[in-house]
């Protein structure tokens, strides 16, 4: 559901980082924000209530150029991870162009990952967003911690199609940019296909 801004000649894409609470969504967004040059990004905004928080910022990725003469602009969002914020998560998914699912690799978070990915799929379905064609990347985060589920087990439980899977250690900045590049590339392929 990209948005064309005719006056600024921009095409805007919405990427949502989804996953269970404390899986590393916020760390991903903050790491990306810190790596983007100041003149290419908007302000990092934290929309917070007493109990939940959503981060957001937008930026122009220099290496993606233009689409049909329009500059490309990405809007990155995180969703609150705790399962009882279902309505907030659902609202943030409206009009999404690409999703990164940030899985927590810790063994004790295995069920939380499953619960969260099922919630994500239901929210997409509620908006009639076809998951099978949506640009989508699975990130296995926290690979540096001691008590983690082997990657092949996580992949077999969480992979929903042939989406790219990227192992990450977001706190160390590893795998974060690679994840963003993977979802960006999928979005650009998708939009070029749609525009012909």
N, C-alpha and C. Protein backbone atom coordinates (compact mmCIF):
# COMPACT_ATOMS: atom_id res chain seq x y z
N UNK A 1 0.84 -1.19 0.00
CA UNK A 1 0.00 0.00 0.00
C UNK A 1 0.88 1.25 0.00
N UNK A 2 1.89 1.28 -0.87
CA UNK A 2 2.78 2.43 -0.92
C UNK A 2 1.98 3.69 -1.21
N UNK A 3 2.54 4.82 -0.79
CA UNK A 3 1.86 6.10 -0.92
C UNK A 3 2.68 7.02 -1.80
N UNK A 4 2.06 7.51 -2.88
CA UNK A 4 2.72 8.46 -3.77
C UNK A 4 2.41 9.87 -3.33
N UNK A 5 3.46 10.66 -3.11
CA UNK A 5 3.27 12.07 -2.79
C UNK A 5 3.68 12.85 -4.04
N UNK A 6 2.68 13.32 -4.78
CA UNK A 6 2.94 13.97 -6.06
C UNK A 6 3.67 15.29 -5.89
N UNK A 7 3.37 16.04 -4.82
CA UNK A 7 4.00 17.35 -4.64
C UNK A 7 5.49 17.26 -4.33
N UNK A 8 5.88 16.25 -3.55
CA UNK A 8 7.30 16.11 -3.21
C UNK A 8 8.00 15.08 -4.10
N UNK A 9 7.23 14.46 -5.00
CA UNK A 9 7.77 13.41 -5.89
C UNK A 9 8.44 12.30 -5.09
N UNK A 10 7.72 11.82 -4.07
CA UNK A 10 8.21 10.73 -3.22
C UNK A 10 7.24 9.56 -3.28
N UNK A 11 7.82 8.37 -3.17
CA UNK A 11 7.01 7.17 -2.99
C UNK A 11 7.38 6.62 -1.61
N UNK A 12 6.37 6.50 -0.76
CA UNK A 12 6.58 6.13 0.63
C UNK A 12 6.19 4.68 0.89
N UNK A 13 7.08 3.96 1.58
CA UNK A 13 6.83 2.57 1.93
C UNK A 13 6.88 2.39 3.44
N UNK A 14 5.98 1.58 3.94
CA UNK A 14 5.88 1.33 5.38
C UNK A 14 6.41 -0.07 5.69
N UNK A 15 7.44 -0.12 6.54
CA UNK A 15 8.01 -1.39 6.99
C UNK A 15 7.75 -1.52 8.48
N UNK A 16 7.19 -2.65 8.88
CA UNK A 16 6.89 -2.88 10.29
C UNK A 16 7.77 -4.00 10.82
N UNK A 17 8.41 -3.73 11.96
CA UNK A 17 9.19 -4.74 12.69
C UNK A 17 8.26 -5.35 13.72
N UNK A 18 7.98 -6.62 13.58
CA UNK A 18 7.00 -7.34 14.39
C UNK A 18 7.72 -8.42 15.18
N UNK A 19 7.20 -8.80 16.33
CA UNK A 19 7.78 -9.88 17.11
C UNK A 19 7.35 -9.78 18.56
N UNK A 20 7.72 -10.79 19.35
CA UNK A 20 7.32 -10.78 20.76
C UNK A 20 8.03 -9.67 21.52
N UNK A 21 7.52 -9.39 22.72
CA UNK A 21 8.13 -8.37 23.58
C UNK A 21 9.60 -8.66 23.84
N UNK A 22 10.41 -7.63 23.79
CA UNK A 22 11.85 -7.70 24.09
C UNK A 22 12.64 -8.59 23.14
N UNK A 23 12.14 -8.77 21.90
CA UNK A 23 12.87 -9.60 20.93
C UNK A 23 13.98 -8.84 20.23
N UNK A 24 13.94 -7.50 20.29
CA UNK A 24 14.98 -6.70 19.67
C UNK A 24 14.48 -5.77 18.56
N UNK A 25 13.18 -5.58 18.48
CA UNK A 25 12.61 -4.70 17.45
C UNK A 25 13.13 -3.28 17.61
N UNK A 26 13.05 -2.76 18.84
CA UNK A 26 13.50 -1.40 19.13
C UNK A 26 15.00 -1.27 18.88
N UNK A 27 15.77 -2.26 19.26
CA UNK A 27 17.22 -2.23 19.04
C UNK A 27 17.53 -2.17 17.55
N UNK A 28 16.80 -2.94 16.74
CA UNK A 28 16.97 -2.88 15.28
C UNK A 28 16.74 -1.46 14.77
N UNK A 29 15.61 -0.88 15.15
CA UNK A 29 15.24 0.46 14.66
C UNK A 29 16.27 1.50 15.10
N UNK A 30 16.68 1.46 16.37
CA UNK A 30 17.66 2.44 16.87
C UNK A 30 19.00 2.29 16.17
N UNK A 31 19.42 1.06 15.92
CA UNK A 31 20.69 0.82 15.22
C UNK A 31 20.64 1.39 13.81
N UNK A 32 19.54 1.14 13.11
CA UNK A 32 19.39 1.68 11.75
C UNK A 32 19.39 3.20 11.80
N UNK A 33 18.64 3.75 12.74
CA UNK A 33 18.55 5.20 12.87
C UNK A 33 19.93 5.82 13.05
N UNK A 34 20.75 5.20 13.88
CA UNK A 34 22.09 5.73 14.14
C UNK A 34 23.02 5.60 12.95
N UNK A 35 22.73 4.69 12.04
CA UNK A 35 23.59 4.48 10.86
C UNK A 35 23.21 5.37 9.67
N UNK A 36 21.97 5.86 9.65
CA UNK A 36 21.52 6.71 8.54
C UNK A 36 22.03 8.14 8.75
N UNK A 37 22.55 8.74 7.69
CA UNK A 37 23.06 10.12 7.77
C UNK A 37 21.94 11.07 8.17
N UNK A 38 22.28 12.08 8.97
CA UNK A 38 21.29 13.02 9.50
C UNK A 38 20.42 13.69 8.45
N UNK A 39 21.00 14.06 7.31
CA UNK A 39 20.20 14.77 6.31
C UNK A 39 19.31 13.84 5.50
N UNK A 40 19.38 12.54 5.75
CA UNK A 40 18.54 11.58 5.03
C UNK A 40 17.44 10.98 5.90
N UNK A 41 17.29 11.46 7.13
CA UNK A 41 16.31 10.83 8.02
C UNK A 41 15.49 11.87 8.77
N UNK A 42 14.29 11.43 9.14
CA UNK A 42 13.44 12.26 9.99
C UNK A 42 13.78 11.99 11.44
N UNK A 43 12.99 12.56 12.31
CA UNK A 43 13.21 12.41 13.74
C UNK A 43 12.75 11.03 14.22
N UNK A 44 13.48 10.46 15.18
CA UNK A 44 13.05 9.20 15.80
C UNK A 44 11.96 9.55 16.81
N UNK A 45 10.77 9.04 16.56
CA UNK A 45 9.62 9.36 17.40
C UNK A 45 9.23 8.13 18.20
N UNK A 46 8.98 8.34 19.48
CA UNK A 46 8.49 7.27 20.33
C UNK A 46 7.08 7.63 20.75
N UNK A 47 6.12 6.86 20.26
CA UNK A 47 4.73 7.07 20.65
C UNK A 47 4.47 6.18 21.85
N UNK A 48 4.35 6.80 23.00
CA UNK A 48 4.26 6.00 24.22
C UNK A 48 3.00 6.34 25.00
N UNK A 49 2.41 5.29 25.57
CA UNK A 49 1.35 5.48 26.56
C UNK A 49 1.97 5.05 27.88
N UNK A 50 1.17 4.91 28.90
CA UNK A 50 1.70 4.47 30.19
C UNK A 50 2.31 3.08 30.12
N UNK A 51 1.78 2.26 29.21
CA UNK A 51 2.16 0.85 29.24
C UNK A 51 2.80 0.32 27.97
N UNK A 52 2.82 1.08 26.88
CA UNK A 52 3.38 0.55 25.64
C UNK A 52 4.12 1.62 24.87
N UNK A 53 4.92 1.17 23.89
CA UNK A 53 5.71 2.11 23.13
C UNK A 53 5.85 1.61 21.69
N UNK A 54 5.73 2.55 20.76
CA UNK A 54 5.98 2.27 19.36
C UNK A 54 7.02 3.28 18.88
N UNK A 55 8.04 2.81 18.19
CA UNK A 55 9.04 3.70 17.62
C UNK A 55 8.77 3.88 16.14
N UNK A 56 9.16 5.06 15.62
CA UNK A 56 8.95 5.35 14.23
C UNK A 56 9.99 6.35 13.75
N UNK A 57 10.47 6.16 12.52
CA UNK A 57 11.19 7.21 11.83
C UNK A 57 11.15 6.93 10.34
N UNK A 58 11.44 7.96 9.53
CA UNK A 58 11.48 7.75 8.09
C UNK A 58 12.84 8.20 7.56
N UNK A 59 13.21 7.66 6.40
CA UNK A 59 14.49 8.04 5.82
C UNK A 59 14.50 7.75 4.32
N UNK A 60 15.43 8.41 3.64
CA UNK A 60 15.66 8.18 2.22
C UNK A 60 16.88 7.28 2.07
N UNK A 61 16.69 6.05 1.61
CA UNK A 61 17.86 5.20 1.38
C UNK A 61 18.54 5.62 0.07
N UNK A 62 19.75 6.14 0.17
CA UNK A 62 20.45 6.68 -0.99
C UNK A 62 20.71 5.64 -2.08
N UNK A 63 20.97 4.41 -1.68
CA UNK A 63 21.37 3.40 -2.66
C UNK A 63 20.21 2.82 -3.47
N UNK A 64 18.96 3.21 -3.16
CA UNK A 64 17.83 2.65 -3.91
C UNK A 64 17.37 3.56 -5.05
N UNK A 65 17.87 4.79 -5.07
CA UNK A 65 17.55 5.67 -6.19
C UNK A 65 16.08 6.04 -6.26
N UNK A 66 15.55 6.00 -7.50
CA UNK A 66 14.17 6.43 -7.72
C UNK A 66 13.36 5.32 -8.38
N UNK A 67 12.05 5.47 -8.30
CA UNK A 67 11.10 4.58 -8.99
C UNK A 67 10.22 5.48 -9.83
N UNK A 68 10.30 5.31 -11.15
CA UNK A 68 9.49 6.13 -12.08
C UNK A 68 9.63 7.62 -11.79
N UNK A 69 10.85 8.05 -11.45
CA UNK A 69 11.11 9.47 -11.18
C UNK A 69 10.77 9.92 -9.78
N UNK A 70 10.33 9.02 -8.92
CA UNK A 70 10.00 9.36 -7.54
C UNK A 70 11.12 8.90 -6.60
N UNK A 71 11.47 9.76 -5.64
CA UNK A 71 12.44 9.36 -4.62
C UNK A 71 11.77 8.36 -3.68
N UNK A 72 12.54 7.38 -3.24
CA UNK A 72 12.02 6.35 -2.35
C UNK A 72 12.23 6.79 -0.90
N UNK A 73 11.17 6.62 -0.10
CA UNK A 73 11.26 6.95 1.32
C UNK A 73 10.66 5.80 2.12
N UNK A 74 11.40 5.34 3.12
CA UNK A 74 10.92 4.26 3.98
C UNK A 74 10.48 4.82 5.33
N UNK A 75 9.38 4.29 5.83
CA UNK A 75 8.88 4.61 7.16
C UNK A 75 9.00 3.32 7.96
N UNK A 76 9.81 3.32 9.01
CA UNK A 76 10.03 2.13 9.82
C UNK A 76 9.27 2.25 11.13
N UNK A 77 8.56 1.19 11.48
CA UNK A 77 7.78 1.15 12.72
C UNK A 77 8.13 -0.11 13.51
N UNK A 78 8.00 -0.01 14.82
CA UNK A 78 7.99 -1.21 15.66
C UNK A 78 6.58 -1.34 16.23
N UNK A 79 6.20 -2.56 16.56
CA UNK A 79 4.93 -2.76 17.25
C UNK A 79 5.23 -3.11 18.70
N UNK A 80 4.32 -2.75 19.62
CA UNK A 80 4.52 -3.22 21.00
C UNK A 80 4.40 -4.74 21.02
N UNK A 81 5.34 -5.41 21.66
CA UNK A 81 5.41 -6.86 21.57
C UNK A 81 4.46 -7.62 22.47
N UNK A 82 4.14 -7.07 23.62
CA UNK A 82 3.32 -7.82 24.56
C UNK A 82 1.97 -8.15 23.94
N UNK A 83 1.54 -9.37 24.14
CA UNK A 83 0.37 -9.90 23.44
C UNK A 83 -0.91 -9.14 23.78
N UNK A 84 -0.97 -8.49 24.95
CA UNK A 84 -2.21 -7.78 25.30
C UNK A 84 -2.32 -6.42 24.62
N UNK A 85 -1.37 -6.05 23.75
CA UNK A 85 -1.48 -4.82 22.97
C UNK A 85 -1.94 -5.12 21.54
N UNK A 86 -2.76 -6.13 21.40
CA UNK A 86 -3.19 -6.61 20.10
C UNK A 86 -3.78 -5.50 19.23
N UNK A 87 -4.62 -4.64 19.80
CA UNK A 87 -5.27 -3.61 18.98
C UNK A 87 -4.25 -2.60 18.44
N UNK A 88 -3.24 -2.26 19.24
CA UNK A 88 -2.19 -1.34 18.76
C UNK A 88 -1.40 -1.97 17.63
N UNK A 89 -1.04 -3.23 17.81
CA UNK A 89 -0.27 -3.92 16.78
C UNK A 89 -1.06 -4.00 15.48
N UNK A 90 -2.33 -4.30 15.60
CA UNK A 90 -3.18 -4.41 14.42
C UNK A 90 -3.24 -3.07 13.69
N UNK A 91 -3.42 -1.99 14.41
CA UNK A 91 -3.51 -0.66 13.81
C UNK A 91 -2.23 -0.30 13.06
N UNK A 92 -1.08 -0.61 13.63
CA UNK A 92 0.20 -0.28 13.01
C UNK A 92 0.39 -1.07 11.71
N UNK A 93 -0.22 -2.23 11.59
CA UNK A 93 -0.07 -3.05 10.38
C UNK A 93 -0.87 -2.52 9.19
N UNK A 94 -1.77 -1.59 9.43
CA UNK A 94 -2.60 -1.06 8.35
C UNK A 94 -1.71 -0.41 7.28
N UNK A 95 -1.89 -0.82 6.04
CA UNK A 95 -1.15 -0.22 4.93
C UNK A 95 0.31 -0.61 4.85
N UNK A 96 0.69 -1.71 5.48
CA UNK A 96 2.10 -2.14 5.51
C UNK A 96 2.55 -2.61 4.11
N UNK A 97 3.80 -2.27 3.77
CA UNK A 97 4.39 -2.70 2.50
C UNK A 97 5.40 -3.83 2.67
N UNK A 98 5.89 -4.01 3.89
CA UNK A 98 6.86 -5.06 4.16
C UNK A 98 6.96 -5.29 5.65
N UNK A 99 7.23 -6.55 6.04
CA UNK A 99 7.32 -6.90 7.45
C UNK A 99 8.61 -7.64 7.73
N UNK A 100 9.24 -7.28 8.85
CA UNK A 100 10.37 -8.03 9.39
C UNK A 100 9.87 -8.65 10.69
N UNK A 101 9.91 -9.97 10.76
CA UNK A 101 9.57 -10.62 12.02
C UNK A 101 10.86 -10.85 12.79
N UNK A 102 10.96 -10.23 13.98
CA UNK A 102 12.16 -10.35 14.82
C UNK A 102 11.89 -11.42 15.87
N UNK A 103 12.47 -12.59 15.65
CA UNK A 103 12.29 -13.71 16.58
C UNK A 103 13.36 -13.65 17.67
N UNK A 104 12.97 -13.95 18.88
CA UNK A 104 13.88 -14.02 20.02
C UNK A 104 14.41 -15.46 20.08
N UNK A 105 15.72 -15.62 19.92
CA UNK A 105 16.33 -16.96 19.84
C UNK A 105 16.39 -17.71 21.16
N UNK A 106 16.14 -17.03 22.28
CA UNK A 106 16.24 -17.70 23.58
C UNK A 106 15.20 -18.83 23.68
N UNK A 107 15.65 -19.96 24.21
CA UNK A 107 14.77 -21.14 24.33
C UNK A 107 13.45 -20.82 25.02
N UNK A 108 13.53 -20.06 26.10
CA UNK A 108 12.32 -19.78 26.88
C UNK A 108 11.34 -18.84 26.14
N UNK A 109 11.74 -18.30 24.99
CA UNK A 109 10.86 -17.41 24.22
C UNK A 109 10.27 -18.10 22.98
N UNK A 110 10.49 -19.40 22.88
CA UNK A 110 10.03 -20.15 21.71
C UNK A 110 8.52 -20.00 21.50
N UNK A 111 7.75 -20.24 22.56
CA UNK A 111 6.28 -20.15 22.47
C UNK A 111 5.83 -18.72 22.18
N UNK A 112 6.52 -17.74 22.75
CA UNK A 112 6.18 -16.33 22.52
C UNK A 112 6.36 -15.99 21.03
N UNK A 113 7.40 -16.54 20.41
CA UNK A 113 7.60 -16.33 18.97
C UNK A 113 6.42 -16.88 18.17
N UNK A 114 6.01 -18.10 18.50
CA UNK A 114 4.88 -18.72 17.79
C UNK A 114 3.59 -17.92 17.96
N UNK A 115 3.35 -17.50 19.18
CA UNK A 115 2.15 -16.71 19.48
C UNK A 115 2.17 -15.40 18.69
N UNK A 116 3.32 -14.76 18.64
CA UNK A 116 3.45 -13.47 17.97
C UNK A 116 3.32 -13.60 16.46
N UNK A 117 3.92 -14.63 15.88
CA UNK A 117 3.84 -14.78 14.42
C UNK A 117 2.41 -15.11 14.00
N UNK A 118 1.70 -15.88 14.81
CA UNK A 118 0.29 -16.17 14.51
C UNK A 118 -0.57 -14.92 14.62
N UNK A 119 -0.25 -14.07 15.60
CA UNK A 119 -0.95 -12.80 15.77
C UNK A 119 -0.70 -11.90 14.55
N UNK A 120 0.54 -11.87 14.08
CA UNK A 120 0.89 -11.07 12.91
C UNK A 120 0.08 -11.54 11.68
N UNK A 121 0.05 -12.86 11.46
CA UNK A 121 -0.67 -13.41 10.32
C UNK A 121 -2.17 -13.09 10.39
N UNK A 122 -2.72 -13.13 11.60
CA UNK A 122 -4.14 -12.80 11.78
C UNK A 122 -4.41 -11.32 11.48
N UNK A 123 -3.52 -10.45 11.94
CA UNK A 123 -3.69 -9.01 11.68
C UNK A 123 -3.63 -8.71 10.19
N UNK A 124 -2.72 -9.36 9.47
CA UNK A 124 -2.64 -9.17 8.02
C UNK A 124 -3.93 -9.65 7.36
N UNK A 125 -4.41 -10.80 7.80
CA UNK A 125 -5.64 -11.36 7.25
C UNK A 125 -6.81 -10.41 7.49
N UNK A 126 -6.88 -9.83 8.69
CA UNK A 126 -7.96 -8.90 9.02
C UNK A 126 -7.98 -7.68 8.09
N UNK A 127 -6.81 -7.29 7.57
CA UNK A 127 -6.73 -6.16 6.63
C UNK A 127 -6.74 -6.63 5.17
N UNK A 128 -6.99 -7.91 4.95
CA UNK A 128 -6.99 -8.49 3.60
C UNK A 128 -5.65 -8.28 2.90
N UNK A 129 -4.58 -8.33 3.65
CA UNK A 129 -3.23 -8.24 3.09
C UNK A 129 -2.76 -9.67 2.84
N UNK A 130 -2.43 -9.96 1.62
CA UNK A 130 -2.04 -11.31 1.20
C UNK A 130 -0.61 -11.60 1.66
N UNK A 131 -0.46 -12.39 2.70
CA UNK A 131 0.86 -12.68 3.26
C UNK A 131 1.80 -13.33 2.25
N UNK A 132 1.25 -14.20 1.41
CA UNK A 132 2.09 -14.94 0.46
C UNK A 132 2.80 -14.04 -0.54
N UNK A 133 2.28 -12.84 -0.77
CA UNK A 133 2.92 -11.93 -1.73
C UNK A 133 3.54 -10.70 -1.05
N UNK A 134 3.37 -10.58 0.25
CA UNK A 134 3.91 -9.43 0.99
C UNK A 134 5.43 -9.59 1.17
N UNK A 135 6.22 -8.55 0.86
CA UNK A 135 7.65 -8.63 1.16
C UNK A 135 7.84 -8.91 2.66
N UNK A 136 8.63 -9.95 2.96
CA UNK A 136 8.72 -10.44 4.33
C UNK A 136 10.08 -11.07 4.59
N UNK A 137 10.65 -10.74 5.75
CA UNK A 137 11.95 -11.28 6.17
C UNK A 137 11.83 -11.79 7.60
N UNK A 138 12.45 -12.92 7.87
CA UNK A 138 12.51 -13.49 9.22
C UNK A 138 13.91 -13.25 9.77
N UNK A 139 13.98 -12.54 10.89
CA UNK A 139 15.27 -12.31 11.55
C UNK A 139 15.31 -13.14 12.83
N UNK A 140 16.38 -13.93 12.99
CA UNK A 140 16.60 -14.68 14.22
C UNK A 140 17.58 -13.86 15.06
N UNK A 141 17.06 -13.19 16.06
CA UNK A 141 17.88 -12.26 16.84
C UNK A 141 18.42 -12.94 18.11
N UNK A 142 19.37 -12.28 18.72
CA UNK A 142 19.99 -12.71 19.99
C UNK A 142 20.77 -14.02 19.83
N UNK A 143 21.42 -14.19 18.68
CA UNK A 143 22.18 -15.41 18.41
C UNK A 143 23.43 -15.51 19.27
N UNK A 144 23.79 -14.44 19.97
CA UNK A 144 25.00 -14.43 20.81
C UNK A 144 24.74 -14.87 22.24
N UNK A 145 23.48 -15.13 22.59
CA UNK A 145 23.18 -15.51 23.97
C UNK A 145 23.43 -17.01 24.18
N UNK A 146 23.66 -17.42 25.44
CA UNK A 146 24.03 -18.82 25.70
C UNK A 146 22.90 -19.84 25.51
N UNK A 147 21.69 -19.51 25.91
CA UNK A 147 20.61 -20.49 25.93
C UNK A 147 19.67 -20.29 24.74
N UNK A 148 20.17 -20.58 23.53
CA UNK A 148 19.35 -20.31 22.35
C UNK A 148 18.89 -21.60 21.66
N UNK A 149 17.78 -21.47 20.95
CA UNK A 149 17.28 -22.56 20.13
C UNK A 149 18.14 -22.62 18.87
N UNK A 150 18.56 -23.81 18.44
CA UNK A 150 19.34 -23.91 17.20
C UNK A 150 18.57 -23.25 16.04
N UNK A 151 19.32 -22.62 15.15
CA UNK A 151 18.71 -21.89 14.03
C UNK A 151 17.78 -22.77 13.21
N UNK A 152 18.19 -24.02 12.93
CA UNK A 152 17.34 -24.88 12.10
C UNK A 152 16.00 -25.19 12.76
N UNK A 153 15.98 -25.29 14.10
CA UNK A 153 14.70 -25.52 14.82
C UNK A 153 13.80 -24.29 14.72
N UNK A 154 14.39 -23.11 14.90
CA UNK A 154 13.62 -21.87 14.80
C UNK A 154 13.07 -21.71 13.38
N UNK A 155 13.92 -21.96 12.41
CA UNK A 155 13.49 -21.82 11.01
C UNK A 155 12.35 -22.77 10.71
N UNK A 156 12.47 -24.01 11.15
CA UNK A 156 11.41 -24.97 10.85
C UNK A 156 10.11 -24.60 11.56
N UNK A 157 10.17 -23.96 12.72
CA UNK A 157 8.95 -23.57 13.44
C UNK A 157 8.36 -22.25 12.95
N UNK A 158 9.21 -21.32 12.50
CA UNK A 158 8.74 -19.97 12.21
C UNK A 158 8.67 -19.60 10.72
N UNK A 159 9.44 -20.28 9.90
CA UNK A 159 9.44 -19.91 8.48
C UNK A 159 8.10 -20.28 7.87
N UNK A 160 7.50 -19.32 7.17
CA UNK A 160 6.17 -19.53 6.63
C UNK A 160 6.15 -19.72 5.12
N UNK A 161 7.24 -19.42 4.47
CA UNK A 161 7.37 -19.62 3.02
C UNK A 161 8.86 -19.61 2.72
N UNK A 162 9.30 -19.17 1.59
CA UNK A 162 10.74 -19.18 1.29
C UNK A 162 11.38 -17.82 1.57
N UNK A 163 10.91 -17.13 2.61
CA UNK A 163 11.43 -15.80 2.92
C UNK A 163 12.90 -15.87 3.36
N UNK A 164 13.64 -14.78 3.14
CA UNK A 164 15.01 -14.73 3.63
C UNK A 164 15.03 -14.85 5.15
N UNK A 165 16.03 -15.56 5.66
CA UNK A 165 16.22 -15.70 7.10
C UNK A 165 17.60 -15.14 7.43
N UNK A 166 17.65 -14.20 8.37
CA UNK A 166 18.91 -13.57 8.72
C UNK A 166 19.16 -13.72 10.22
N UNK A 167 20.32 -14.24 10.56
CA UNK A 167 20.70 -14.34 11.96
C UNK A 167 21.29 -13.00 12.39
N UNK A 168 20.94 -12.58 13.61
CA UNK A 168 21.35 -11.25 14.04
C UNK A 168 21.71 -11.22 15.52
N UNK A 169 22.48 -10.21 15.85
CA UNK A 169 22.78 -9.83 17.22
C UNK A 169 22.60 -8.32 17.25
N UNK A 170 21.35 -7.90 17.35
CA UNK A 170 21.01 -6.48 17.17
C UNK A 170 21.75 -5.57 18.14
N UNK A 171 21.97 -6.02 19.38
CA UNK A 171 22.70 -5.18 20.34
C UNK A 171 24.12 -4.87 19.87
N UNK A 172 24.69 -5.79 19.11
CA UNK A 172 26.04 -5.59 18.56
C UNK A 172 25.99 -4.99 17.15
N UNK A 173 24.78 -4.80 16.65
CA UNK A 173 24.61 -4.24 15.31
C UNK A 173 24.78 -5.24 14.19
N UNK A 174 24.92 -6.51 14.52
CA UNK A 174 25.15 -7.53 13.49
C UNK A 174 23.83 -8.07 12.94
N UNK A 175 23.74 -8.11 11.62
CA UNK A 175 22.55 -8.63 10.96
C UNK A 175 21.44 -7.60 10.79
N UNK A 176 21.60 -6.43 11.39
CA UNK A 176 20.55 -5.41 11.35
C UNK A 176 20.44 -4.76 9.97
N UNK A 177 21.57 -4.29 9.47
CA UNK A 177 21.57 -3.66 8.14
C UNK A 177 21.24 -4.69 7.07
N UNK A 178 21.76 -5.91 7.23
CA UNK A 178 21.47 -6.98 6.27
C UNK A 178 19.96 -7.26 6.20
N UNK A 179 19.30 -7.22 7.36
CA UNK A 179 17.86 -7.43 7.41
C UNK A 179 17.13 -6.31 6.67
N UNK A 180 17.52 -5.08 6.93
CA UNK A 180 16.90 -3.93 6.26
C UNK A 180 17.12 -4.00 4.75
N UNK A 181 18.33 -4.36 4.34
CA UNK A 181 18.62 -4.48 2.90
C UNK A 181 17.75 -5.55 2.26
N UNK A 182 17.57 -6.67 2.96
CA UNK A 182 16.76 -7.77 2.42
C UNK A 182 15.31 -7.35 2.23
N UNK A 183 14.71 -6.68 3.23
CA UNK A 183 13.31 -6.28 3.10
C UNK A 183 13.17 -5.16 2.08
N UNK A 184 14.14 -4.24 2.02
CA UNK A 184 14.10 -3.15 1.05
C UNK A 184 14.14 -3.69 -0.38
N UNK A 185 15.01 -4.65 -0.61
CA UNK A 185 15.14 -5.24 -1.93
C UNK A 185 13.84 -5.92 -2.35
N UNK A 186 13.22 -6.67 -1.42
CA UNK A 186 11.95 -7.33 -1.73
C UNK A 186 10.85 -6.32 -2.06
N UNK A 187 10.82 -5.21 -1.32
CA UNK A 187 9.81 -4.17 -1.56
C UNK A 187 10.03 -3.54 -2.94
N UNK A 188 11.29 -3.26 -3.28
CA UNK A 188 11.57 -2.63 -4.57
C UNK A 188 11.23 -3.57 -5.73
N UNK A 189 11.52 -4.84 -5.59
CA UNK A 189 11.15 -5.82 -6.63
C UNK A 189 9.62 -5.84 -6.78
N UNK A 190 8.94 -5.84 -5.65
CA UNK A 190 7.48 -5.88 -5.63
C UNK A 190 6.88 -4.66 -6.31
N UNK A 191 7.37 -3.47 -5.98
CA UNK A 191 6.78 -2.25 -6.54
C UNK A 191 7.08 -2.14 -8.03
N UNK A 192 8.26 -2.56 -8.44
CA UNK A 192 8.60 -2.48 -9.87
C UNK A 192 7.73 -3.45 -10.66
N UNK A 193 7.41 -4.59 -10.06
CA UNK A 193 6.52 -5.57 -10.69
C UNK A 193 5.12 -4.97 -10.85
N UNK A 194 4.64 -4.28 -9.80
CA UNK A 194 3.30 -3.71 -9.82
C UNK A 194 3.20 -2.52 -10.79
N UNK A 195 4.29 -1.74 -10.89
CA UNK A 195 4.26 -0.57 -11.77
C UNK A 195 4.54 -0.94 -13.22
N UNK A 196 5.06 -2.16 -13.41
CA UNK A 196 5.30 -2.61 -14.77
C UNK A 196 6.58 -2.09 -15.30
